[in-house]
C-alpha atoms as a PDB file:
ATOM      1  CA  UNK A   1      87.402 106.505 128.780  1.00  0.00           C
ATOM      2  CA  UNK A   2      84.126 107.189 126.677  1.00  0.00           C
ATOM      3  CA  UNK A   3      81.117 104.846 126.657  1.00  0.00           C
ATOM      4  CA  UNK A   4      77.778 104.976 124.908  1.00  0.00           C
ATOM      5  CA  UNK A   5      74.616 102.995 125.315  1.00  0.00           C
ATOM      6  CA  UNK A   6      71.995 101.705 122.880  1.00  0.00           C
ATOM      7  CA  UNK A   7      69.100  99.674 124.224  1.00  0.00           C
ATOM      8  CA  UNK A   8      66.359  98.389 121.668  1.00  0.00           C
ATOM      9  CA  UNK A   9      63.751  95.753 121.361  1.00  0.00           C
ATOM     10  CA  UNK A  10      64.090  93.043 118.919  1.00  0.00           C
ATOM     11  CA  UNK A  11      61.466  90.864 117.043  1.00  0.00           C
ATOM     12  CA  UNK A  12      61.628  87.690 115.054  1.00  0.00           C
ATOM     13  CA  UNK A  13      58.382  88.777 113.370  1.00  0.00           C
ATOM     14  CA  UNK A  14      59.774  91.695 111.388  1.00  0.00           C
ATOM     15  CA  UNK A  15      59.343  90.963 107.674  1.00  0.00           C
ATOM     16  CA  UNK A  16      56.822  88.089 108.512  1.00  0.00           C
ATOM     17  CA  UNK A  17      53.893  89.847 110.090  1.00  0.00           C
ATOM     18  CA  UNK A  18      54.421  93.714 110.157  1.00  0.00           C
ATOM     19  CA  UNK A  19      52.185  96.409 111.822  1.00  0.00           C
ATOM     20  CA  UNK A  20      50.909  99.366 109.608  1.00  0.00           C
ATOM     21  CA  UNK A  21      53.265 100.846 107.225  1.00  0.00           C
ATOM     22  CA  UNK A  22      53.475 104.235 109.353  1.00  0.00           C
ATOM     23  CA  UNK A  23      54.612 102.247 112.380  1.00  0.00           C
ATOM     24  CA  UNK A  24      57.027 100.133 110.542  1.00  0.00           C
ATOM     25  CA  UNK A  25      58.496 103.340 108.884  1.00  0.00           C
ATOM     26  CA  UNK A  26      58.766 104.943 112.347  1.00  0.00           C
ATOM     27  CA  UNK A  27      60.550 101.984 113.816  1.00  0.00           C
ATOM     28  CA  UNK A  28      63.008 101.966 110.837  1.00  0.00           C
ATOM     29  CA  UNK A  29      63.495 105.719 111.184  1.00  0.00           C
ATOM     30  CA  UNK A  30      64.515 105.220 114.880  1.00  0.00           C
ATOM     31  CA  UNK A  31      66.848 102.425 114.092  1.00  0.00           C
ATOM     32  CA  UNK A  32      68.558 104.303 111.312  1.00  0.00           C
ATOM     33  CA  UNK A  33      69.202 107.191 113.675  1.00  0.00           C
ATOM     34  CA  UNK A  34      70.642 104.725 116.230  1.00  0.00           C
ATOM     35  CA  UNK A  35      72.911 103.311 113.551  1.00  0.00           C
ATOM     36  CA  UNK A  36      74.075 106.773 112.545  1.00  0.00           C
ATOM     37  CA  UNK A  37      74.999 107.602 116.127  1.00  0.00           C
ATOM     38  CA  UNK A  38      76.903 104.253 116.490  1.00  0.00           C
ATOM     39  CA  UNK A  39      78.845 104.675 113.322  1.00  0.00           C
ATOM     40  CA  UNK A  40      79.643 108.387 114.090  1.00  0.00           C
ATOM     41  CA  UNK A  41      80.896 107.280 117.360  1.00  0.00           C
ATOM     42  CA  UNK A  42      83.105 104.449 115.869  1.00  0.00           C
ATOM     43  CA  UNK A  43      83.401 102.192 118.875  1.00  0.00           C
ATOM     44  CA  UNK A  44      86.608 100.196 119.270  1.00  0.00           C
ATOM     45  CA  UNK A  45      84.582  97.618 121.311  1.00  0.00           C
ATOM     46  CA  UNK A  46      81.003  96.515 121.486  1.00  0.00           C
ATOM     47  CA  UNK A  47      79.484  94.601 124.504  1.00  0.00           C
ATOM     48  CA  UNK A  48      76.011  93.234 123.656  1.00  0.00           C
ATOM     49  CA  UNK A  49      73.799  91.884 126.453  1.00  0.00           C
ATOM     50  CA  UNK A  50      71.292  89.532 124.743  1.00  0.00           C
ATOM     51  CA  UNK A  51      68.874  86.747 125.665  1.00  0.00           C
ATOM     52  CA  UNK A  52      68.461  83.426 123.910  1.00  0.00           C
ATOM     53  CA  UNK A  53      65.312  81.537 122.933  1.00  0.00           C
ATOM     54  CA  UNK A  54      66.462  78.004 123.199  1.00  0.00           C
ATOM     55  CA  UNK A  55      68.735  78.239 120.301  1.00  0.00           C
ATOM     56  CA  UNK A  56      72.122  78.381 121.908  1.00  0.00           C
ATOM     57  CA  UNK A  57      71.511  77.700 125.561  1.00  0.00           C
ATOM     58  CA  UNK A  58      69.543  74.662 126.909  1.00  0.00           C
ATOM     59  CA  UNK A  59      68.759  73.011 130.126  1.00  0.00           C
ATOM     60  CA  UNK A  60      71.574  70.505 129.685  1.00  0.00           C
ATOM     61  CA  UNK A  61      73.654  73.438 131.238  1.00  0.00           C
ATOM     62  CA  UNK A  62      71.663  76.669 131.733  1.00  0.00           C
ATOM     63  CA  UNK A  63      73.941  79.424 133.274  1.00  0.00           C
ATOM     64  CA  UNK A  64      72.422  82.711 134.460  1.00  0.00           C
ATOM     65  CA  UNK A  65      75.199  84.590 132.698  1.00  0.00           C
ATOM     66  CA  UNK A  66      77.831  83.579 130.019  1.00  0.00           C
ATOM     67  CA  UNK A  67      80.444  85.546 128.294  1.00  0.00           C
ATOM     68  CA  UNK A  68      81.521  84.515 124.857  1.00  0.00           C
ATOM     69  CA  UNK A  69      85.097  84.108 123.898  1.00  0.00           C
ATOM     70  CA  UNK A  70      83.982  82.948 120.374  1.00  0.00           C
ATOM     71  CA  UNK A  71      80.464  83.084 118.959  1.00  0.00           C
ATOM     72  CA  UNK A  72      78.594  82.393 115.894  1.00  0.00           C
ATOM     73  CA  UNK A  73      75.009  83.396 114.898  1.00  0.00           C
ATOM     74  CA  UNK A  74      72.638  80.719 113.701  1.00  0.00           C
ATOM     75  CA  UNK A  75      70.662  83.132 111.362  1.00  0.00           C
ATOM     76  CA  UNK A  76      67.190  82.450 112.475  1.00  0.00           C
ATOM     77  CA  UNK A  77      64.211  84.491 111.381  1.00  0.00           C
ATOM     78  CA  UNK A  78      66.094  86.309 108.655  1.00  0.00           C
ATOM     79  CA  UNK A  79      68.798  87.402 110.963  1.00  0.00           C
ATOM     80  CA  UNK A  80      72.435  87.423 109.860  1.00  0.00           C
ATOM     81  CA  UNK A  81      74.368  84.106 110.191  1.00  0.00           C
ATOM     82  CA  UNK A  82      78.107  83.658 110.757  1.00  0.00           C
ATOM     83  CA  UNK A  83      80.912  84.473 113.067  1.00  0.00           C
ATOM     84  CA  UNK A  84      81.017  87.401 115.381  1.00  0.00           C
ATOM     85  CA  UNK A  85      84.182  89.284 115.636  1.00  0.00           C
ATOM     86  CA  UNK A  86      85.037  88.307 119.250  1.00  0.00           C
ATOM     87  CA  UNK A  87      88.317  89.429 120.793  1.00  0.00           C
ATOM     88  CA  UNK A  88      88.940  86.231 122.741  1.00  0.00           C
ATOM     89  CA  UNK A  89      91.697  87.222 125.051  1.00  0.00           C
ATOM     90  CA  UNK A  90      89.748  90.376 126.137  1.00  0.00           C
ATOM     91  CA  UNK A  91      86.612  88.175 126.731  1.00  0.00           C
ATOM     92  CA  UNK A  92      88.666  85.998 128.884  1.00  0.00           C
ATOM     93  CA  UNK A  93      89.994  88.940 130.925  1.00  0.00           C
ATOM     94  CA  UNK A  94      86.564  90.369 131.291  1.00  0.00           C
ATOM     95  CA  UNK A  95      85.354  86.956 132.619  1.00  0.00           C
ATOM     96  CA  UNK A  96      88.114  86.828 135.018  1.00  0.00           C
ATOM     97  CA  UNK A  97      87.417  90.411 136.219  1.00  0.00           C
ATOM     98  CA  UNK A  98      83.681  89.720 136.724  1.00  0.00           C
ATOM     99  CA  UNK A  99      84.475  86.689 138.753  1.00  0.00           C
ATOM    100  CA  UNK A 100      86.922  88.619 140.893  1.00  0.00           C
ATOM    101  CA  UNK A 101      83.950  90.936 141.572  1.00  0.00           C
ATOM    102  CA  UNK A 102      82.014  87.945 143.093  1.00  0.00           C
ATOM    103  CA  UNK A 103      79.614  87.730 140.119  1.00  0.00           C
ATOM    104  CA  UNK A 104      79.428  84.125 138.965  1.00  0.00           C
ATOM    105  CA  UNK A 105      79.498  84.005 135.188  1.00  0.00           C
ATOM    106  CA  UNK A 106      80.278  81.138 132.669  1.00  0.00           C
ATOM    107  CA  UNK A 107      82.659  81.321 129.687  1.00  0.00           C
ATOM    108  CA  UNK A 108      81.930  79.896 126.188  1.00  0.00           C
ATOM    109  CA  UNK A 109      84.207  79.332 123.359  1.00  0.00           C
ATOM    110  CA  UNK A 110      81.502  77.995 121.147  1.00  0.00           C
ATOM    111  CA  UNK A 111      78.541  80.308 121.870  1.00  0.00           C
ATOM    112  CA  UNK A 112      75.699  80.301 119.510  1.00  0.00           C
ATOM    113  CA  UNK A 113      73.611  83.501 119.461  1.00  0.00           C
ATOM    114  CA  UNK A 114      70.206  83.875 117.769  1.00  0.00           C
ATOM    115  CA  UNK A 115      68.107  86.877 116.646  1.00  0.00           C
ATOM    116  CA  UNK A 116      68.177  88.253 120.088  1.00  0.00           C
ATOM    117  CA  UNK A 117      71.699  89.161 119.563  1.00  0.00           C
ATOM    118  CA  UNK A 118      72.277  89.347 115.875  1.00  0.00           C
ATOM    119  CA  UNK A 119      69.374  91.606 115.123  1.00  0.00           C
ATOM    120  CA  UNK A 120      70.733  94.335 117.465  1.00  0.00           C
ATOM    121  CA  UNK A 121      74.158  94.033 115.808  1.00  0.00           C
ATOM    122  CA  UNK A 122      72.774  94.277 112.313  1.00  0.00           C
ATOM    123  CA  UNK A 123      70.447  97.239 113.215  1.00  0.00           C
ATOM    124  CA  UNK A 124      73.092  99.259 114.996  1.00  0.00           C
ATOM    125  CA  UNK A 125      76.345  98.336 113.148  1.00  0.00           C
ATOM    126  CA  UNK A 126      75.232  97.057 109.848  1.00  0.00           C
ATOM    127  CA  UNK A 127      76.695  93.585 110.366  1.00  0.00           C
ATOM    128  CA  UNK A 128      78.098  91.085 112.847  1.00  0.00           C
ATOM    129  CA  UNK A 129      81.674  91.696 112.444  1.00  0.00           C
ATOM    130  CA  UNK A 130      82.075  95.394 111.645  1.00  0.00           C
ATOM    131  CA  UNK A 131      83.325  96.001 115.235  1.00  0.00           C
ATOM    132  CA  UNK A 132      85.033  93.776 117.716  1.00  0.00           C
ATOM    133  CA  UNK A 133      82.163  92.554 119.948  1.00  0.00           C
ATOM    134  CA  UNK A 134      81.752  90.577 123.235  1.00  0.00           C
ATOM    135  CA  UNK A 135      78.434  88.960 123.538  1.00  0.00           C
ATOM    136  CA  UNK A 136      77.071  88.442 127.130  1.00  0.00           C
ATOM    137  CA  UNK A 137      74.311  86.105 127.387  1.00  0.00           C
ATOM    138  CA  UNK A 138      71.621  86.679 130.077  1.00  0.00           C
ATOM    139  CA  UNK A 139      69.106  83.890 130.738  1.00  0.00           C
ATOM    140  CA  UNK A 140      65.742  85.414 130.288  1.00  0.00           C
ATOM    141  CA  UNK A 141      63.397  82.611 129.602  1.00  0.00           C
ATOM    142  CA  UNK A 142      64.423  79.420 131.356  1.00  0.00           C
ATOM    143  CA  UNK A 143      63.506  79.407 135.148  1.00  0.00           C
ATOM    144  CA  UNK A 144      65.033  79.635 137.621  1.00  0.00           C
ATOM    145  CA  UNK A 145      66.172  83.009 136.729  1.00  0.00           C
ATOM    146  CA  UNK A 146      68.589  85.436 138.556  1.00  0.00           C
ATOM    147  CA  UNK A 147      67.320  88.595 140.117  1.00  0.00           C
ATOM    148  CA  UNK A 148      67.136  91.794 138.291  1.00  0.00           C
ATOM    149  CA  UNK A 149      69.593  93.133 140.822  1.00  0.00           C
ATOM    150  CA  UNK A 150      72.064  90.529 139.844  1.00  0.00           C
ATOM    151  CA  UNK A 151      71.827  91.688 136.299  1.00  0.00           C
ATOM    152  CA  UNK A 152      72.503  95.164 137.227  1.00  0.00           C
ATOM    153  CA  UNK A 153      75.568  94.050 139.395  1.00  0.00           C
ATOM    154  CA  UNK A 154      76.862  92.120 136.426  1.00  0.00           C
ATOM    155  CA  UNK A 155      76.598  95.224 134.239  1.00  0.00           C
ATOM    156  CA  UNK A 156      78.336  97.254 136.748  1.00  0.00           C
ATOM    157  CA  UNK A 157      81.212  94.744 137.189  1.00  0.00           C
ATOM    158  CA  UNK A 158      81.505  94.658 133.254  1.00  0.00           C
ATOM    159  CA  UNK A 159      81.385  98.412 133.257  1.00  0.00           C
ATOM    160  CA  UNK A 160      84.309  98.807 135.632  1.00  0.00           C
ATOM    161  CA  UNK A 161      86.365  96.508 133.525  1.00  0.00           C
ATOM    162  CA  UNK A 162      85.546  98.393 130.414  1.00  0.00           C
ATOM    163  CA  UNK A 163      86.422 101.676 132.000  1.00  0.00           C
ATOM    164  CA  UNK A 164      90.071 100.445 132.240  1.00  0.00           C
ATOM    165  CA  UNK A 165      90.561  99.200 128.741  1.00  0.00           C
ATOM    166  CA  UNK A 166      91.241 102.646 127.272  1.00  0.00           C
ATOM    167  CA  UNK A 167      88.832 101.858 124.457  1.00  0.00           C
ATOM    168  CA  UNK A 168      85.774 103.698 123.105  1.00  0.00           C
ATOM    169  CA  UNK A 169      82.978 101.299 124.138  1.00  0.00           C
ATOM    170  CA  UNK A 170      79.419 100.806 123.040  1.00  0.00           C
ATOM    171  CA  UNK A 171      77.215  98.664 125.221  1.00  0.00           C
ATOM    172  CA  UNK A 172      73.841  97.205 123.792  1.00  0.00           C
ATOM    173  CA  UNK A 173      70.880  95.852 125.645  1.00  0.00           C
ATOM    174  CA  UNK A 174      68.727  93.768 123.350  1.00  0.00           C
ATOM    175  CA  UNK A 175      65.255  92.606 124.374  1.00  0.00           C
ATOM    176  CA  UNK A 176      62.061  93.549 126.312  1.00  0.00           C
ATOM    177  CA  UNK A 177      59.668  95.074 126.945  1.00  0.00           C
ATOM    178  CA  UNK A 178      56.329  93.531 127.937  1.00  0.00           C
ATOM    179  CA  UNK A 179      55.573  90.424 125.894  1.00  0.00           C
ATOM    180  CA  UNK A 180      54.877  86.819 126.171  1.00  0.00           C
ATOM    181  CA  UNK A 181      55.309  84.962 122.819  1.00  0.00           C
ATOM    182  CA  UNK A 182      54.689  81.150 122.643  1.00  0.00           C
ATOM    183  CA  UNK A 183      57.903  79.892 124.322  1.00  0.00           C
ATOM    184  CA  UNK A 184      57.464  76.485 125.747  1.00  0.00           C
ATOM    185  CA  UNK A 185      58.247  75.730 129.463  1.00  0.00           C
ATOM    186  CA  UNK A 186      59.888  72.781 130.766  1.00  0.00           C
ATOM    187  CA  UNK A 187      57.586  72.355 133.646  1.00  0.00           C
ATOM    188  CA  UNK A 188      54.608  71.812 131.372  1.00  0.00           C
ATOM    189  CA  UNK A 189      56.366  70.238 128.305  1.00  0.00           C
ATOM    190  CA  UNK A 190      55.673  66.733 126.968  1.00  0.00           C
ATOM    191  CA  UNK A 191      58.581  64.390 126.512  1.00  0.00           C
ATOM    192  CA  UNK A 192      59.400  65.588 122.882  1.00  0.00           C
ATOM    193  CA  UNK A 193      59.439  69.313 123.705  1.00  0.00           C
ATOM    194  CA  UNK A 194      61.301  68.563 127.059  1.00  0.00           C
ATOM    195  CA  UNK A 195      64.035  66.919 125.036  1.00  0.00           C
ATOM    196  CA  UNK A 196      64.083  70.012 122.688  1.00  0.00           C
ATOM    197  CA  UNK A 197      64.405  72.366 125.711  1.00  0.00           C
ATOM    198  CA  UNK A 198      67.213  70.188 127.320  1.00  0.00           C
ATOM    199  CA  UNK A 199      69.342  69.554 124.281  1.00  0.00           C
ATOM    200  CA  UNK A 200      67.753  71.041 121.021  1.00  0.00           C
ATOM    201  CA  UNK A 201      70.882  72.486 119.297  1.00  0.00           C
ATOM    202  CA  UNK A 202      71.023  72.725 115.540  1.00  0.00           C
ATOM    203  CA  UNK A 203      67.464  71.563 114.567  1.00  0.00           C
ATOM    204  CA  UNK A 204      66.708  70.375 111.203  1.00  0.00           C
ATOM    205  CA  UNK A 205      65.459  73.074 108.695  1.00  0.00           C
ATOM    206  CA  UNK A 206      62.023  71.392 108.736  1.00  0.00           C
ATOM    207  CA  UNK A 207      61.892  71.777 112.583  1.00  0.00           C
ATOM    208  CA  UNK A 208      63.087  75.353 112.620  1.00  0.00           C
ATOM    209  CA  UNK A 209      60.474  76.220 109.849  1.00  0.00           C
ATOM    210  CA  UNK A 210      57.764  74.613 112.022  1.00  0.00           C
ATOM    211  CA  UNK A 211      58.660  76.579 114.945  1.00  0.00           C
ATOM    212  CA  UNK A 212      58.784  79.838 112.870  1.00  0.00           C
ATOM    213  CA  UNK A 213      55.298  78.950 111.534  1.00  0.00           C
ATOM    214  CA  UNK A 214      53.917  78.407 115.024  1.00  0.00           C
ATOM    215  CA  UNK A 215      55.315  81.891 116.117  1.00  0.00           C
ATOM    216  CA  UNK A 216      53.899  83.712 113.118  1.00  0.00           C
ATOM    217  CA  UNK A 217      50.359  82.080 113.666  1.00  0.00           C
ATOM    218  CA  UNK A 218      50.468  83.204 117.421  1.00  0.00           C
ATOM    219  CA  UNK A 219      51.283  86.647 116.377  1.00  0.00           C
ATOM    220  CA  UNK A 220      48.370  86.781 113.946  1.00  0.00           C
ATOM    221  CA  UNK A 221      46.040  85.511 116.653  1.00  0.00           C
ATOM    222  CA  UNK A 222      47.371  87.932 119.116  1.00  0.00           C
ATOM    223  CA  UNK A 223      46.904  91.007 116.863  1.00  0.00           C
ATOM    224  CA  UNK A 224      43.360  89.924 116.010  1.00  0.00           C
ATOM    225  CA  UNK A 225      42.471  89.427 119.608  1.00  0.00           C
ATOM    226  CA  UNK A 226      41.792  85.841 119.499  1.00  0.00           C
ATOM    227  CA  UNK A 227      44.985  84.520 121.164  1.00  0.00           C
ATOM    228  CA  UNK A 228      45.301  83.788 124.875  1.00  0.00           C
ATOM    229  CA  UNK A 229      48.675  85.367 125.438  1.00  0.00           C
ATOM    230  CA  UNK A 230      49.532  87.779 128.249  1.00  0.00           C
ATOM    231  CA  UNK A 231      48.477  91.253 127.065  1.00  0.00           C
ATOM    232  CA  UNK A 232      51.019  94.048 126.529  1.00  0.00           C
ATOM    233  CA  UNK A 233      51.336  96.555 129.241  1.00  0.00           C
ATOM    234  CA  UNK A 234      52.438 100.004 128.133  1.00  0.00           C
ATOM    235  CA  UNK A 235      52.114 101.459 131.658  1.00  0.00           C
ATOM    236  CA  UNK A 236      54.446  98.966 132.958  1.00  0.00           C
ATOM    237  CA  UNK A 237      56.778  99.435 130.164  1.00  0.00           C
ATOM    238  CA  UNK A 238      56.959 103.261 130.654  1.00  0.00           C
ATOM    239  CA  UNK A 239      57.477 103.038 134.421  1.00  0.00           C
ATOM    240  CA  UNK A 240      60.434 100.620 133.673  1.00  0.00           C
ATOM    241  CA  UNK A 241      61.859 102.931 131.004  1.00  0.00           C
ATOM    242  CA  UNK A 242      61.737 105.979 133.626  1.00  0.00           C
ATOM    243  CA  UNK A 243      63.623 103.760 136.155  1.00  0.00           C
ATOM    244  CA  UNK A 244      66.284 103.084 133.840  1.00  0.00           C
ATOM    245  CA  UNK A 245      66.663 106.679 132.791  1.00  0.00           C
ATOM    246  CA  UNK A 246      66.553 108.214 136.290  1.00  0.00           C
ATOM    247  CA  UNK A 247      66.631 105.570 139.174  1.00  0.00           C
ATOM    248  CA  UNK A 248      68.583 102.544 138.084  1.00  0.00           C
ATOM    249  CA  UNK A 249      68.902 100.960 141.627  1.00  0.00           C
ATOM    250  CA  UNK A 250      65.046 100.982 141.919  1.00  0.00           C
ATOM    251  CA  UNK A 251      64.873  97.948 139.663  1.00  0.00           C
ATOM    252  CA  UNK A 252      66.308  95.851 142.485  1.00  0.00           C
ATOM    253  CA  UNK A 253      62.877  95.764 143.985  1.00  0.00           C
ATOM    254  CA  UNK A 254      61.287  94.249 140.845  1.00  0.00           C
ATOM    255  CA  UNK A 255      60.700  90.567 141.725  1.00  0.00           C
ATOM    256  CA  UNK A 256      60.713  87.871 139.168  1.00  0.00           C
ATOM    257  CA  UNK A 257      57.199  87.003 139.929  1.00  0.00           C
ATOM    258  CA  UNK A 258      55.967  90.633 139.559  1.00  0.00           C
ATOM    259  CA  UNK A 259      57.811  90.910 136.252  1.00  0.00           C
ATOM    260  CA  UNK A 260      55.934  87.729 135.009  1.00  0.00           C
ATOM    261  CA  UNK A 261      52.645  88.987 136.362  1.00  0.00           C
ATOM    262  CA  UNK A 262      52.750  92.510 134.942  1.00  0.00           C
ATOM    263  CA  UNK A 263      54.926  92.239 131.872  1.00  0.00           C
ATOM    264  CA  UNK A 264      54.681  88.496 130.700  1.00  0.00           C
ATOM    265  CA  UNK A 265      57.065  85.630 130.924  1.00  0.00           C
ATOM    266  CA  UNK A 266      59.391  87.196 128.170  1.00  0.00           C
ATOM    267  CA  UNK A 267      59.528  90.579 129.865  1.00  0.00           C
ATOM    268  CA  UNK A 268      62.395  89.025 131.766  1.00  0.00           C
ATOM    269  CA  UNK A 269      64.472  90.197 128.678  1.00  0.00           C
ATOM    270  CA  UNK A 270      64.481  93.656 130.401  1.00  0.00           C
ATOM    271  CA  UNK A 271      67.588  92.304 132.239  1.00  0.00           C
ATOM    272  CA  UNK A 272      69.672  93.010 129.097  1.00  0.00           C
ATOM    273  CA  UNK A 273      68.634  96.641 129.404  1.00  0.00           C
ATOM    274  CA  UNK A 274      69.255  96.701 133.078  1.00  0.00           C
ATOM    275  CA  UNK A 275      72.847  95.250 132.727  1.00  0.00           C
ATOM    276  CA  UNK A 276      73.668  97.634 129.892  1.00  0.00           C
ATOM    277  CA  UNK A 277      72.582 100.551 132.116  1.00  0.00           C
ATOM    278  CA  UNK A 278      74.590  98.978 134.898  1.00  0.00           C
ATOM    279  CA  UNK A 279      77.702  99.031 132.836  1.00  0.00           C
ATOM    280  CA  UNK A 280      77.134 102.687 131.927  1.00  0.00           C
ATOM    281  CA  UNK A 281      76.534 103.632 135.549  1.00  0.00           C
ATOM    282  CA  UNK A 282      80.034 102.405 136.375  1.00  0.00           C
ATOM    283  CA  UNK A 283      81.435 105.366 134.560  1.00  0.00           C
ATOM    284  CA  UNK A 284      79.306 107.763 136.780  1.00  0.00           C
ATOM    285  CA  UNK A 285      75.996 109.897 136.302  1.00  0.00           C
ATOM    286  CA  UNK A 286      74.537 109.522 132.809  1.00  0.00           C
ATOM    287  CA  UNK A 287      71.775 111.080 130.694  1.00  0.00           C
ATOM    288  CA  UNK A 288      69.313 108.907 128.748  1.00  0.00           C
ATOM    289  CA  UNK A 289      66.909 109.657 125.998  1.00  0.00           C
ATOM    290  CA  UNK A 290      63.762 107.661 125.132  1.00  0.00           C
ATOM    291  CA  UNK A 291      63.816 107.471 121.352  1.00  0.00           C
ATOM    292  CA  UNK A 292      60.778 105.407 120.838  1.00  0.00           C
ATOM    293  CA  UNK A 293      58.072 103.321 122.622  1.00  0.00           C
ATOM    294  CA  UNK A 294      54.955 101.829 121.236  1.00  0.00           C
ATOM    295  CA  UNK A 295      52.960  98.637 121.904  1.00  0.00           C
ATOM    296  CA  UNK A 296      53.107  96.570 118.618  1.00  0.00           C
ATOM    297  CA  UNK A 297      50.637  93.624 118.906  1.00  0.00           C
ATOM    298  CA  UNK A 298      51.848  92.309 115.468  1.00  0.00           C
ATOM    299  CA  UNK A 299      55.277  91.772 116.881  1.00  0.00           C
ATOM    300  CA  UNK A 300      53.858  90.516 120.363  1.00  0.00           C
ATOM    301  CA  UNK A 301      55.927  93.300 122.046  1.00  0.00           C
ATOM    302  CA  UNK A 302      56.132  96.486 123.895  1.00  0.00           C
ATOM    303  CA  UNK A 303      58.657  98.007 121.564  1.00  0.00           C
ATOM    304  CA  UNK A 304      61.252 100.664 122.857  1.00  0.00           C
ATOM    305  CA  UNK A 305      64.564 102.214 122.096  1.00  0.00           C
ATOM    306  CA  UNK A 306      66.789 104.360 124.297  1.00  0.00           C
ATOM    307  CA  UNK A 307      70.255 105.845 124.139  1.00  0.00           C
ATOM    308  CA  UNK A 308      72.450 107.147 126.788  1.00  0.00           C
ATOM    309  CA  UNK A 309      76.023 108.558 127.632  1.00  0.00           C
ATOM    310  CA  UNK A 310      77.763 109.687 130.697  1.00  0.00           C
ATOM    311  CA  UNK A 311      76.364 113.072 131.932  1.00  0.00           C
ATOM    312  CA  UNK A 312      79.568 114.964 131.271  1.00  0.00           C
ATOM    313  CA  UNK A 313      79.738 113.732 127.652  1.00  0.00           C
ATOM    314  CA  UNK A 314      76.059 114.230 127.057  1.00  0.00           C
ATOM    315  CA  UNK A 315      76.544 118.057 127.804  1.00  0.00           C
ATOM    316  CA  UNK A 316      79.122 118.477 125.105  1.00  0.00           C
ATOM    317  CA  UNK A 317      78.414 119.422 121.538  1.00  0.00           C
ATOM    318  CA  UNK A 318      79.312 115.969 120.262  1.00  0.00           C
ATOM    319  CA  UNK A 319      76.415 114.388 121.960  1.00  0.00           C
ATOM    320  CA  UNK A 320      73.284 113.804 119.939  1.00  0.00           C
END
């Protein structure tokens, strides 16, 4: 059955600290084109691979992967808030299938997602509940992390299940590329921050606003060249995009240490793209198109967008 892929970067800073107007307008044009593709395709099911930024998943229990059987968006950084239209029974079947494929995955009946998931759904579909959607969390900020290879195999296992559903499926990868915003680390945290990383669900509005203000201030310093965060790495980003398009198994050789060194600590969000392409690869050979890439310091991100489809479908007149 048919499948389509859309992968895109997200940013909590859009609307708070934006790049030059021509850059912002180009991003909006690319996002609008992606949404047009999705609405024309009219998926019967969406699977979105997304990270979390200590808003829904914490060190009290930090799984490497988790499938949502029910989910709610918290609405941080102007992202949409509210329930996702999760088909619970299908999510449970998906989790059982992935486990049967020897990929360990958790299941949540009360998943909380943040802008890392909600922004992609809003950009690509216009809302949180326009289509049935299964959210798949991939831990990308809280060490220890699973390998990139494991994310690829997770995607493949999910893709094999999806290919048997008889549905038009859209897979989304939300995250990446090179970036390292000011996300705290448990190893170096004081007692107060450590507690937030272990069990910081549902913070007060004041605490959330303070966190938001710190992120905006860090972005302004980074764009001005006065911050000490990891630099963006366009060469590394482009090499990864080429691997995703042409040589997906090659990502298996990218170690977690090398990702941190070359792309930054939050570049581990590329796991979401790898999993999405893994799901697509389960349908056979594919063709991918790079729609946009640009390092955007104001958003502390190498910012990219790609779409792809099975090679047979990509050669038809219906393909964009």
